[in-house]
Protein backbone atom coordinates (compact mmCIF):
# COMPACT_ATOMS: atom_id res chain seq x y z
CA MET A 1 -12.16 -18.45 13.63
CA ARG A 2 -14.87 -21.02 12.81
CA ILE A 3 -15.47 -21.21 9.06
CA VAL A 4 -18.06 -23.19 7.13
CA LEU A 5 -16.77 -23.89 3.63
CA GLY A 6 -19.58 -24.85 1.27
CA VAL A 7 -18.51 -26.55 -1.95
CA GLY A 8 -20.76 -26.45 -5.00
CA GLY A 9 -21.02 -29.03 -7.73
CA GLY A 10 -18.76 -27.52 -10.38
CA ILE A 11 -15.51 -28.65 -11.95
CA ALA A 12 -13.71 -25.82 -10.14
CA ALA A 13 -14.32 -27.70 -6.86
CA TYR A 14 -10.78 -29.09 -7.09
CA LYS A 15 -9.39 -25.56 -6.61
CA VAL A 16 -11.27 -25.24 -3.33
CA ALA A 17 -8.90 -27.80 -1.80
CA SER A 18 -6.21 -25.11 -2.02
CA LEU A 19 -8.56 -22.58 -0.43
CA LEU A 20 -9.24 -25.01 2.42
CA ARG A 21 -5.52 -25.42 2.99
CA LEU A 22 -5.08 -21.64 3.15
CA PHE A 23 -7.74 -21.44 5.86
CA THR A 24 -6.41 -24.34 7.93
CA GLU A 25 -2.74 -23.29 7.67
CA ALA A 26 -3.79 -19.84 8.92
CA GLY A 27 -5.09 -21.54 12.07
CA HIS A 28 -8.84 -21.46 11.37
CA LYS A 29 -11.23 -24.33 12.17
CA VAL A 30 -13.06 -25.30 8.99
CA THR A 31 -16.15 -27.44 8.52
CA VAL A 32 -16.59 -28.44 4.89
CA ILE A 33 -20.11 -29.00 3.55
CA PRO A 34 -20.04 -30.22 -0.05
CA THR A 35 -23.23 -30.61 -2.04
CA GLU A 36 -24.05 -34.07 -3.33
CA ALA A 37 -22.94 -32.96 -6.81
CA ALA A 38 -19.65 -31.61 -5.41
CA THR A 39 -18.71 -35.06 -4.14
CA ARG A 40 -18.81 -36.26 -7.75
CA PHE A 41 -15.82 -33.97 -8.41
CA VAL A 42 -13.91 -34.20 -5.10
CA GLY A 43 -14.63 -36.97 -2.62
CA VAL A 44 -15.51 -36.66 1.05
CA ALA A 45 -12.21 -38.29 2.06
CA THR A 46 -10.27 -35.38 0.57
CA TRP A 47 -12.27 -32.78 2.50
CA GLU A 48 -11.94 -34.73 5.75
CA ALA A 49 -8.19 -35.20 5.32
CA LEU A 50 -7.53 -31.52 4.56
CA SER A 51 -9.90 -30.10 7.19
CA GLY A 52 -9.29 -32.61 9.97
CA ASN A 53 -13.04 -32.72 10.58
CA PRO A 54 -15.83 -35.12 9.60
CA VAL A 55 -17.73 -34.13 6.47
CA SER A 56 -21.41 -34.59 5.62
CA ASN A 57 -23.98 -33.05 3.31
CA SER A 58 -27.06 -34.60 4.91
CA VAL A 59 -29.35 -33.11 7.55
CA PHE A 60 -29.90 -36.68 8.83
CA ASP A 61 -26.30 -37.26 9.95
CA ASP A 62 -25.57 -36.55 13.64
CA VAL A 63 -29.20 -35.56 14.17
CA GLU A 64 -28.65 -35.23 17.92
CA LYS A 65 -26.28 -32.29 17.25
CA VAL A 66 -28.93 -30.49 15.16
CA ASN A 67 -26.25 -29.61 12.61
CA HIS A 68 -28.61 -27.86 10.20
CA VAL A 69 -29.14 -25.21 12.91
CA ARG A 70 -25.90 -25.37 14.89
CA LEU A 71 -23.42 -24.90 12.05
CA GLY A 72 -24.97 -21.67 10.83
CA HIS A 73 -25.30 -20.31 14.35
CA GLU A 74 -21.71 -21.07 15.31
CA ALA A 75 -19.93 -20.05 12.10
CA ASP A 76 -17.97 -16.79 12.20
CA LEU A 77 -17.86 -16.89 8.40
CA ILE A 78 -19.46 -18.93 5.61
CA VAL A 79 -17.72 -19.21 2.25
CA VAL A 80 -19.30 -20.97 -0.73
CA ALA A 81 -16.97 -21.90 -3.60
CA PRO A 82 -17.59 -22.70 -6.34
CA ALA A 83 -21.01 -21.05 -6.12
CA THR A 84 -22.81 -22.55 -9.09
CA ALA A 85 -25.85 -21.02 -10.77
CA ASP A 86 -27.96 -23.67 -9.04
CA LEU A 87 -26.58 -22.82 -5.57
CA LEU A 88 -27.07 -19.08 -6.12
CA ALA A 89 -30.67 -19.70 -7.16
CA LYS A 90 -31.35 -21.89 -4.12
CA ALA A 91 -29.79 -19.38 -1.75
CA ALA A 92 -31.68 -16.45 -3.27
CA THR A 93 -35.03 -18.26 -3.00
CA GLY A 94 -34.41 -19.62 0.50
CA GLN A 95 -34.47 -23.32 -0.36
CA ALA A 96 -33.32 -25.79 2.28
CA GLY A 97 -32.97 -29.18 0.64
CA ASP A 98 -29.60 -30.19 2.08
CA LEU A 99 -27.20 -29.34 4.89
CA LEU A 100 -25.50 -26.48 3.04
CA THR A 101 -28.66 -24.60 2.10
CA ASN A 102 -30.03 -25.12 5.64
CA THR A 103 -26.80 -23.70 7.07
CA LEU A 104 -27.03 -20.67 4.79
CA LEU A 105 -30.52 -19.94 6.09
CA MET A 106 -29.24 -20.12 9.68
CA ALA A 107 -26.16 -17.95 9.10
CA HIS A 108 -25.49 -15.40 11.84
CA GLY A 109 -22.15 -14.17 10.45
CA PRO A 110 -20.95 -12.85 7.08
CA VAL A 111 -21.48 -14.96 3.96
CA LEU A 112 -19.36 -14.90 0.80
CA PHE A 113 -20.11 -16.58 -2.53
CA ALA A 114 -17.37 -17.14 -5.13
CA PRO A 115 -19.24 -17.91 -8.37
CA ALA A 116 -18.01 -20.24 -11.10
CA MET A 117 -20.01 -21.26 -14.16
CA HIS A 118 -20.13 -20.85 -17.91
CA THR A 119 -20.28 -17.27 -19.21
CA GLU A 120 -23.85 -17.54 -20.53
CA MET A 121 -25.03 -18.94 -17.21
CA TRP A 122 -23.38 -16.11 -15.28
CA GLN A 123 -24.79 -13.45 -17.62
CA HIS A 124 -28.29 -14.93 -17.76
CA PRO A 125 -30.89 -12.50 -16.35
CA ALA A 126 -32.06 -15.11 -13.83
CA THR A 127 -28.57 -15.52 -12.36
CA GLN A 128 -27.97 -11.77 -12.31
CA ALA A 129 -31.30 -11.26 -10.53
CA ASN A 130 -30.35 -13.89 -7.94
CA VAL A 131 -26.99 -12.20 -7.37
CA GLU A 132 -28.66 -8.82 -6.89
CA THR A 133 -31.14 -10.38 -4.45
CA LEU A 134 -28.35 -11.87 -2.37
CA ARG A 135 -26.33 -8.65 -2.39
CA SER A 136 -29.39 -6.65 -1.35
CA ARG A 137 -29.56 -8.88 1.76
CA GLY A 138 -25.96 -8.06 2.70
CA VAL A 139 -24.38 -11.19 1.23
CA THR A 140 -21.04 -10.74 -0.56
CA VAL A 141 -20.98 -12.20 -4.06
CA LEU A 142 -17.61 -11.85 -5.78
CA GLU A 143 -17.34 -11.18 -9.48
CA PRO A 144 -16.05 -14.29 -11.29
CA ALA A 145 -12.66 -14.11 -12.93
CA VAL A 146 -12.25 -13.86 -16.69
CA GLY A 147 -10.34 -16.66 -18.35
CA ARG A 148 -10.31 -20.20 -19.67
CA LEU A 149 -13.45 -22.21 -18.83
CA THR A 150 -14.29 -25.88 -19.34
CA GLY A 151 -13.46 -26.93 -22.88
CA THR A 152 -12.15 -24.32 -25.28
CA ASP A 153 -14.35 -21.41 -24.13
CA SER A 154 -13.09 -18.33 -22.31
CA GLY A 155 -14.86 -15.45 -20.63
CA PRO A 156 -16.26 -14.29 -17.29
CA GLY A 157 -17.27 -17.23 -15.11
CA ARG A 158 -13.96 -18.66 -13.96
CA LEU A 159 -13.55 -19.24 -10.21
CA PRO A 160 -11.35 -16.52 -8.68
CA GLU A 161 -7.98 -17.82 -7.56
CA PRO A 162 -7.94 -19.35 -4.04
CA GLU A 163 -5.65 -16.57 -2.77
CA ALA A 164 -8.13 -13.91 -3.95
CA ILE A 165 -11.08 -15.68 -2.29
CA PHE A 166 -9.00 -16.15 0.87
CA ALA A 167 -8.12 -12.45 1.08
CA ALA A 168 -11.71 -11.36 0.38
CA ALA A 169 -13.10 -13.77 2.97
CA LEU A 170 -10.77 -12.65 5.74
CA ALA A 171 -11.30 -8.99 4.93
CA LEU A 172 -15.06 -9.62 5.16
CA ALA A 173 -14.63 -11.31 8.54
CA GLY A 174 -12.91 -8.22 9.94
CA PRO A 175 -10.74 -8.21 13.07
CA ALA A 176 -11.54 -11.82 13.94
CA VAL A 177 -9.08 -13.09 11.34
CA GLY A 178 -6.30 -13.69 13.85
CA PRO A 179 -2.53 -13.68 13.23
CA ARG A 180 -0.71 -13.83 9.95
CA ALA A 181 -0.28 -17.29 8.45
CA VAL A 182 3.07 -18.90 9.09
CA ASP A 183 3.66 -19.45 5.36
CA SER A 184 3.34 -15.71 4.57
CA ARG A 185 0.18 -16.05 2.55
CA PRO A 186 -1.97 -12.93 2.74
CA VAL A 187 -3.83 -12.67 6.04
CA GLU A 188 -4.70 -9.23 7.37
CA PRO A 189 -3.04 -8.70 10.77
CA PRO A 190 -4.44 -6.80 13.72
CA ALA A 191 -4.41 -3.00 13.32
CA GLY A 192 -0.93 -1.53 13.75
CA ALA A 193 0.89 -4.84 13.15
CA GLY A 194 3.08 -5.88 10.25
CA PRO A 195 6.29 -4.57 8.65
CA LEU A 196 4.37 -2.00 6.57
CA ALA A 197 2.02 -0.85 9.34
CA GLY A 198 1.22 2.83 8.90
CA CYS A 199 2.52 2.88 5.31
CA THR A 200 0.52 3.81 2.22
CA VAL A 201 1.45 1.60 -0.73
CA THR A 202 0.42 2.30 -4.32
CA ILE A 203 0.41 -0.79 -6.57
CA SER A 204 -0.36 -0.95 -10.29
CA ALA A 205 -1.38 -4.26 -11.85
CA GLY A 206 -2.69 -5.85 -15.03
CA GLY A 207 -2.13 -4.93 -18.65
CA THR A 208 -2.95 -1.64 -20.33
CA ARG A 209 -5.06 -1.59 -23.50
CA GLU A 210 -4.40 0.99 -26.19
CA ALA A 211 -7.47 1.69 -28.34
CA LEU A 212 -7.27 1.36 -32.12
CA ASP A 213 -11.00 1.80 -32.73
CA PRO A 214 -14.16 1.21 -30.62
CA VAL A 215 -13.67 -2.57 -30.97
CA ARG A 216 -9.94 -3.23 -31.21
CA PHE A 217 -6.95 -2.45 -29.04
CA LEU A 218 -3.27 -3.25 -28.60
CA GLY A 219 -2.72 -5.20 -25.40
CA ASN A 220 -0.51 -7.75 -23.70
CA ARG A 221 -0.78 -11.08 -21.90
CA SER A 222 -0.69 -9.78 -18.33
CA SER A 223 -3.34 -11.38 -16.07
CA GLY A 224 -2.83 -9.12 -13.04
CA LYS A 225 -2.36 -12.15 -10.77
CA GLN A 226 1.02 -11.04 -9.45
CA GLY A 227 -0.21 -7.51 -8.79
CA ALA A 228 -3.26 -8.82 -6.92
CA ALA A 229 -1.01 -11.07 -4.84
CA LEU A 230 1.24 -8.10 -4.05
CA ALA A 231 -1.77 -6.09 -2.89
CA ALA A 232 -2.93 -8.93 -0.65
CA ALA A 233 0.57 -9.31 0.81
CA ALA A 234 0.84 -5.56 1.42
CA LEU A 235 -2.51 -5.60 3.22
CA ALA A 236 -1.25 -8.53 5.28
CA ALA A 237 1.83 -6.47 6.17
CA GLY A 238 -0.41 -3.74 7.60
CA ALA A 239 -0.33 -1.24 4.72
CA HIS A 240 -3.09 0.92 3.30
CA VAL A 241 -3.13 -0.07 -0.38
CA ARG A 242 -4.04 2.10 -3.36
CA PHE A 243 -4.59 -0.36 -6.20
CA LEU A 244 -4.47 0.82 -9.82
CA ALA A 245 -6.05 -1.96 -11.88
CA ALA A 246 -5.67 -2.14 -15.65
CA HIS A 247 -7.14 -5.18 -17.46
CA MET A 248 -7.03 -8.14 -15.06
CA ASP A 249 -8.18 -11.77 -15.19
CA VAL A 250 -8.62 -11.87 -11.41
CA GLN A 251 -10.46 -9.68 -8.92
CA PRO A 252 -8.51 -7.16 -6.83
CA PRO A 253 -8.35 -8.23 -3.17
CA ALA A 254 -10.95 -6.81 -0.83
CA GLY A 255 -9.77 -3.94 1.33
CA VAL A 256 -7.83 -1.94 -1.28
CA GLU A 257 -8.56 1.59 -2.45
CA LEU A 258 -9.41 0.65 -6.04
CA VAL A 259 -8.89 2.78 -9.17
CA ARG A 260 -9.73 1.27 -12.58
CA VAL A 261 -7.69 2.33 -15.62
CA GLU A 262 -7.62 1.27 -19.26
CA SER A 263 -4.72 2.85 -21.13
CA ALA A 264 -1.16 3.86 -20.32
CA LEU A 265 -2.15 7.52 -20.29
CA GLU A 266 -4.93 6.81 -17.78
CA LEU A 267 -2.51 4.81 -15.66
CA ARG A 268 0.02 7.66 -15.73
CA GLU A 269 -2.55 10.13 -14.45
CA ALA A 270 -3.75 7.75 -11.73
CA ALA A 271 -0.20 6.80 -10.69
CA LEU A 272 1.00 10.38 -10.36
CA GLN A 273 -2.04 11.21 -8.24
CA ALA A 274 -1.88 8.06 -6.07
CA ALA A 275 1.90 8.30 -5.57
CA ALA A 276 1.52 11.67 -3.86
CA GLY A 277 1.53 10.83 -0.17
CA SER A 278 2.52 7.16 -0.73
CA ASP A 279 5.45 5.68 1.16
CA VAL A 280 5.94 2.91 -1.40
CA VAL A 281 5.06 2.73 -5.10
CA ILE A 282 5.11 -0.66 -6.85
CA MET A 283 4.66 -0.49 -10.62
CA ALA A 284 3.75 -4.10 -11.41
CA ALA A 285 1.42 -3.32 -14.33
CA ALA A 286 2.43 -4.35 -17.85
CA VAL A 287 2.36 -0.94 -19.51
CA ALA A 288 2.29 -0.73 -23.30
CA ASP A 289 5.40 0.97 -24.68
CA PHE A 290 3.47 2.23 -27.69
CA ARG A 291 -0.07 3.29 -28.62
CA PRO A 292 -1.75 3.98 -31.98
CA ALA A 293 -1.11 7.54 -33.11
CA GLU A 294 -4.69 7.85 -34.37
CA VAL A 295 -7.78 6.27 -32.84
CA SER A 296 -10.72 5.73 -35.19
CA HIS A 297 -14.11 6.74 -33.78
CA THR A 298 -15.76 4.04 -35.91
CA LYS A 299 -14.84 0.42 -36.46
CA ILE A 300 -12.13 0.01 -39.10
CA LYS A 301 -13.63 -2.16 -41.84
CA LYS A 302 -11.95 -4.26 -44.48
CA SER A 303 -13.03 -3.89 -48.08
CA ASP A 304 -12.28 -6.04 -51.10
CA GLY A 305 -9.54 -4.58 -53.24
CA GLU A 306 -8.16 -2.31 -50.52
CA ASP A 307 -4.84 -2.75 -48.78
CA ALA A 308 -4.75 -3.41 -45.06
CA PRO A 309 -4.47 -0.18 -43.04
CA VAL A 310 -1.08 0.86 -41.67
CA VAL A 311 -1.08 1.52 -37.94
CA ARG A 312 1.39 4.20 -36.89
CA LEU A 313 2.55 3.97 -33.30
CA VAL A 314 3.81 6.61 -30.89
CA ARG A 315 5.63 6.13 -27.60
CA ASN A 316 3.78 6.06 -24.32
CA PRO A 317 5.24 8.02 -21.40
CA ASP A 318 7.74 6.28 -19.13
CA ILE A 319 5.62 6.30 -15.97
CA LEU A 320 8.18 4.64 -13.71
CA HIS A 321 10.94 7.07 -14.68
CA GLU A 322 8.60 10.05 -14.23
CA LEU A 323 7.65 8.85 -10.75
CA VAL A 324 11.34 8.59 -9.82
CA GLU A 325 12.05 12.09 -11.17
CA ARG A 326 9.16 13.58 -9.19
CA ARG A 327 10.26 11.77 -6.04
CA ASN A 328 13.81 13.03 -6.45
CA ALA A 329 12.66 16.59 -7.13
CA ASP A 330 10.56 16.56 -3.99
CA SER A 331 13.36 14.93 -1.95
CA GLY A 332 10.66 12.70 -0.52
CA LYS A 333 11.20 9.55 1.52
CA GLN A 334 9.50 7.24 -0.96
CA LEU A 335 10.56 3.77 -2.10
CA ILE A 336 9.84 3.02 -5.76
CA VAL A 337 9.75 -0.53 -7.11
CA GLY A 338 9.62 -1.40 -10.80
CA PHE A 339 8.86 -4.64 -12.60
CA ALA A 340 10.67 -5.76 -15.73
CA ALA A 341 9.43 -8.48 -18.07
CA GLU A 342 12.54 -9.39 -20.04
CA THR A 343 13.80 -11.82 -22.65
CA GLY A 344 17.38 -12.38 -23.66
CA ASP A 345 18.66 -11.58 -27.15
CA GLU A 346 21.91 -11.19 -29.07
CA HIS A 347 22.71 -8.04 -27.08
CA GLY A 348 22.56 -9.64 -23.63
CA ASN A 349 20.83 -11.98 -21.24
CA VAL A 350 17.81 -11.23 -19.07
CA LEU A 351 19.76 -9.95 -16.05
CA GLU A 352 22.05 -7.79 -18.17
CA HIS A 353 19.04 -6.09 -19.77
CA ALA A 354 17.40 -5.75 -16.36
CA ALA A 355 20.49 -4.20 -14.75
CA ALA A 356 20.63 -1.62 -17.53
CA LYS A 357 16.93 -0.86 -17.04
CA LEU A 358 17.39 -0.43 -13.28
CA LYS A 359 20.14 2.12 -13.89
CA ARG A 360 18.10 3.90 -16.57
CA LYS A 361 14.89 4.07 -14.52
CA GLY A 362 16.55 5.06 -11.24
CA CYS A 363 14.12 3.11 -9.03
CA ASP A 364 15.14 1.51 -5.73
CA LEU A 365 14.24 -2.09 -6.57
CA LEU A 366 13.54 -3.86 -9.85
CA VAL A 367 11.69 -7.20 -9.85
CA VAL A 368 12.74 -9.12 -12.95
CA ASN A 369 10.70 -11.77 -14.77
CA HIS A 370 12.04 -13.94 -17.57
CA VAL A 371 8.97 -14.02 -19.81
CA GLY A 372 7.86 -15.92 -22.89
CA VAL A 373 5.00 -17.96 -24.28
CA GLY A 374 3.63 -20.08 -21.42
CA ARG A 375 5.88 -18.37 -18.88
CA VAL A 376 4.78 -15.93 -16.12
CA PHE A 377 1.82 -14.26 -17.88
CA GLY A 378 -1.42 -15.91 -16.78
CA GLN A 379 0.40 -18.64 -14.83
CA ASP A 380 -0.03 -19.40 -11.12
CA GLU A 381 3.71 -19.87 -10.52
CA ASN A 382 6.45 -17.29 -10.86
CA SER A 383 10.20 -16.93 -10.49
CA VAL A 384 11.86 -13.53 -10.10
CA VAL A 385 15.13 -11.86 -9.28
CA ILE A 386 15.01 -8.68 -7.17
CA LEU A 387 17.72 -6.18 -8.12
CA SER A 388 18.65 -3.28 -5.85
CA GLY A 389 19.71 0.22 -6.84
CA HIS A 390 21.57 0.55 -3.53
CA GLY A 391 24.29 -2.06 -4.03
CA VAL A 392 22.58 -4.95 -2.22
CA GLU A 393 23.09 -8.41 -3.70
CA PRO A 394 20.33 -9.73 -6.02
CA GLN A 395 17.68 -11.90 -4.37
CA SER A 396 15.78 -14.74 -6.00
CA ALA A 397 12.21 -15.75 -5.17
CA SER A 398 10.02 -18.45 -6.68
CA GLY A 399 6.88 -20.48 -6.05
CA SER A 400 3.25 -19.43 -6.21
CA LYS A 401 2.58 -15.79 -7.00
CA SER A 402 1.52 -15.36 -3.37
CA ASP A 403 4.90 -16.72 -2.26
CA VAL A 404 6.70 -14.34 -4.61
CA ALA A 405 4.54 -11.43 -3.44
CA ALA A 406 5.35 -12.18 0.20
CA ALA A 407 9.07 -12.22 -0.63
CA VAL A 408 8.85 -8.90 -2.49
CA ILE A 409 6.90 -7.22 0.33
CA ASP A 410 9.37 -8.54 2.93
CA ARG A 411 12.24 -7.19 0.83
CA ILE A 412 10.48 -3.80 0.60
CA GLY A 413 10.17 -3.73 4.38
CA ASP A 414 13.91 -4.43 4.70
CA GLU A 415 14.74 -1.80 2.08
CA LEU A 416 12.64 0.84 3.84
CA SER A 417 14.57 0.20 7.05
CA ARG A 418 17.88 0.40 5.18
CA VAL A 419 17.23 3.43 2.99
CA PHE A 420 15.06 5.40 5.42
CA PRO A 421 16.12 4.27 8.92
CA ALA A 422 13.98 5.37 11.84
CA PRO A 423 15.39 8.40 13.67
């Protein structure tokens, strides 16, 4: 597939080098068009080295090839990342001051923008109006991720992770995406291909939030990155994916059947419904063990001379265990995978606690994370151990969360063949 990768002038441009590598390693031919401002962040030499093609941002280079017309005509897909507020405004108003904006005006194929900017810029009415204009013309504009921005600020405006943009772009391109990448990163295969072809997979991701009052909640540090990577890998393996998204710092991959949830009780209801008819259930969400017993309908205020309020907690339902019990009662051929975020203590190490949890929950596989401050939650790298309830030796996987997701999905495919062999 011929892809034009436009790079905007934002600090997130350095992340687009990883996106370019995903495209090229999947076998696609990529022409990079950085804006002049983008080259202040990442130089032309980097784009040429990673793409294997010459790079220019001027309509006056290679004039005999009429690049400002040809590139847009020939591209099967145009991806712009980071799409700055300035680039969105120029695209929405049809400006053509450089090679990238000319190419956008000549586009014959699908176009995807991955925005990145400060929160106030993203939320400004002018930017929102430009986004709506582009979407009304059939252009795909992703929602930015929520997280750390330049400096100490956080909020919506962060560039989605390269893997999420990659999955969304290839899903937008449709059947022209070609074969799965050799490094197992998520690329959607042709219909009917892949180890999970014909399977329905339910995946939960992100962290639940348990309301205390209209403003406050009890939550956790889960970013949803690993769950999103699992969904992308399952799509790449040919599955139909039902994706139950609690609070996430990244966007769910395009192509999933999306259900948004907030609390553990909402997730339980959605999981029980989605699991019916699913071949595989992967509970990767970080579900709160407890919730406030009483939820105030008004904001809890502090007053001078009064003691701080005491928050009484009650247990949330054990969703994973309930799913296993329902599966067993129905005698269904369903593989259930749990996730365990563990720390060691005086009673045992991480794997000892995880082995006890696997036995207690009764699921088929348990993916174990050793968590802590600065480990796993919100990070781009992960290291897990996959425990089996069927006597198979533990398996380790590490690397990017996409690498770990690919390993987990491959293991699920193997487990399906072992536990439910074809007649």
